[in-house]
C-alpha atoms as a PDB file:
ATOM      1  CA  UNK A   1     -22.054  24.393   3.243  1.00  0.00           C
ATOM      2  CA  UNK A   2     -22.482  21.070   1.839  1.00  0.00           C
ATOM      3  CA  UNK A   3     -21.632  18.274   4.129  1.00  0.00           C
ATOM      4  CA  UNK A   4     -18.964  16.060   2.391  1.00  0.00           C
ATOM      5  CA  UNK A   5     -19.823  12.334   1.511  1.00  0.00           C
ATOM      6  CA  UNK A   6     -18.750   9.544   3.452  1.00  0.00           C
ATOM      7  CA  UNK A   7     -18.403   5.806   2.349  1.00  0.00           C
ATOM      8  CA  UNK A   8     -18.102   2.843   4.548  1.00  0.00           C
ATOM      9  CA  UNK A   9     -15.037   0.326   3.878  1.00  0.00           C
ATOM     10  CA  UNK A  10     -15.759  -3.084   5.250  1.00  0.00           C
ATOM     11  CA  UNK A  11     -12.296  -4.431   7.003  1.00  0.00           C
ATOM     12  CA  UNK A  12     -11.409  -7.391   9.170  1.00  0.00           C
ATOM     13  CA  UNK A  13     -11.015  -6.645  12.887  1.00  0.00           C
ATOM     14  CA  UNK A  14      -7.422  -7.582  12.978  1.00  0.00           C
ATOM     15  CA  UNK A  15      -6.758  -5.125  10.546  1.00  0.00           C
ATOM     16  CA  UNK A  16      -8.419  -2.236  12.080  1.00  0.00           C
ATOM     17  CA  UNK A  17      -6.297  -2.962  15.192  1.00  0.00           C
ATOM     18  CA  UNK A  18      -3.247  -2.620  12.923  1.00  0.00           C
ATOM     19  CA  UNK A  19      -4.599   0.658  11.939  1.00  0.00           C
ATOM     20  CA  UNK A  20      -5.049   1.688  15.836  1.00  0.00           C
ATOM     21  CA  UNK A  21      -1.323   1.361  16.322  1.00  0.00           C
ATOM     22  CA  UNK A  22      -0.750   3.916  13.769  1.00  0.00           C
ATOM     23  CA  UNK A  23      -3.189   6.652  14.882  1.00  0.00           C
ATOM     24  CA  UNK A  24      -1.919   9.812  16.332  1.00  0.00           C
ATOM     25  CA  UNK A  25      -4.083  11.349  19.024  1.00  0.00           C
ATOM     26  CA  UNK A  26      -7.518  11.658  17.965  1.00  0.00           C
ATOM     27  CA  UNK A  27      -6.711  11.152  14.223  1.00  0.00           C
ATOM     28  CA  UNK A  28      -9.786  10.057  12.370  1.00  0.00           C
ATOM     29  CA  UNK A  29      -9.246   7.026  10.239  1.00  0.00           C
ATOM     30  CA  UNK A  30      -9.735   9.300   6.887  1.00  0.00           C
ATOM     31  CA  UNK A  31      -6.959  11.199   7.993  1.00  0.00           C
ATOM     32  CA  UNK A  32      -4.758   8.189   8.958  1.00  0.00           C
ATOM     33  CA  UNK A  33      -5.144   6.415   5.710  1.00  0.00           C
ATOM     34  CA  UNK A  34      -4.168   9.510   4.005  1.00  0.00           C
ATOM     35  CA  UNK A  35      -1.246  10.253   5.969  1.00  0.00           C
ATOM     36  CA  UNK A  36      -0.232   6.505   5.678  1.00  0.00           C
ATOM     37  CA  UNK A  37      -0.886   6.842   1.576  1.00  0.00           C
ATOM     38  CA  UNK A  38       1.268  10.206   1.597  1.00  0.00           C
ATOM     39  CA  UNK A  39       4.035   8.332   3.617  1.00  0.00           C
ATOM     40  CA  UNK A  40       4.486   5.457   1.618  1.00  0.00           C
ATOM     41  CA  UNK A  41       3.264   6.221  -1.900  1.00  0.00           C
ATOM     42  CA  UNK A  42       5.895   8.149  -4.333  1.00  0.00           C
ATOM     43  CA  UNK A  43       5.080  11.796  -5.010  1.00  0.00           C
ATOM     44  CA  UNK A  44       4.170  11.329  -8.329  1.00  0.00           C
ATOM     45  CA  UNK A  45       2.642   8.122  -9.810  1.00  0.00           C
ATOM     46  CA  UNK A  46       4.897   6.051 -12.237  1.00  0.00           C
ATOM     47  CA  UNK A  47       4.750   6.089 -15.547  1.00  0.00           C
ATOM     48  CA  UNK A  48       3.839   2.980 -17.525  1.00  0.00           C
ATOM     49  CA  UNK A  49       7.160   2.464 -18.815  1.00  0.00           C
ATOM     50  CA  UNK A  50       8.322   2.931 -14.811  1.00  0.00           C
ATOM     51  CA  UNK A  51       5.853   0.231 -14.040  1.00  0.00           C
ATOM     52  CA  UNK A  52       6.863  -2.392 -16.414  1.00  0.00           C
ATOM     53  CA  UNK A  53      10.421  -1.931 -15.396  1.00  0.00           C
ATOM     54  CA  UNK A  54       9.781  -2.621 -11.718  1.00  0.00           C
ATOM     55  CA  UNK A  55       7.841  -5.889 -12.637  1.00  0.00           C
ATOM     56  CA  UNK A  56      10.687  -6.787 -14.960  1.00  0.00           C
ATOM     57  CA  UNK A  57      12.951  -6.025 -11.899  1.00  0.00           C
ATOM     58  CA  UNK A  58      10.726  -8.308  -9.508  1.00  0.00           C
ATOM     59  CA  UNK A  59      10.851 -11.232 -12.104  1.00  0.00           C
ATOM     60  CA  UNK A  60      13.321 -13.788 -11.480  1.00  0.00           C
ATOM     61  CA  UNK A  61      12.957 -17.066 -13.903  1.00  0.00           C
ATOM     62  CA  UNK A  62      12.422 -20.336 -12.250  1.00  0.00           C
ATOM     63  CA  UNK A  63      15.393 -21.806 -13.667  1.00  0.00           C
ATOM     64  CA  UNK A  64      17.473 -19.482 -11.981  1.00  0.00           C
ATOM     65  CA  UNK A  65      15.251 -19.923  -8.809  1.00  0.00           C
ATOM     66  CA  UNK A  66      16.060 -23.355  -8.771  1.00  0.00           C
ATOM     67  CA  UNK A  67      19.766 -23.002  -9.496  1.00  0.00           C
ATOM     68  CA  UNK A  68      20.160 -20.905  -6.436  1.00  0.00           C
ATOM     69  CA  UNK A  69      18.235 -23.428  -4.409  1.00  0.00           C
ATOM     70  CA  UNK A  70      20.526 -26.159  -6.115  1.00  0.00           C
ATOM     71  CA  UNK A  71      17.824 -28.040  -7.565  1.00  0.00           C
END
């Protein structure tokens, strides 16, 4: 049986400390990252149309922001 290929990902020490808070038992970082991705990402990738709609919903024109701030 062929051993799986592994890679190295450079992260800051602070990021590693944050990740450690979410580890369960002797969970590997690979298992942790995959679990976090499964818990946070949608079950199916969004379509291009859905991505465009999400971006449109996030955009607020500068004039509207200025008006809300009373500028």
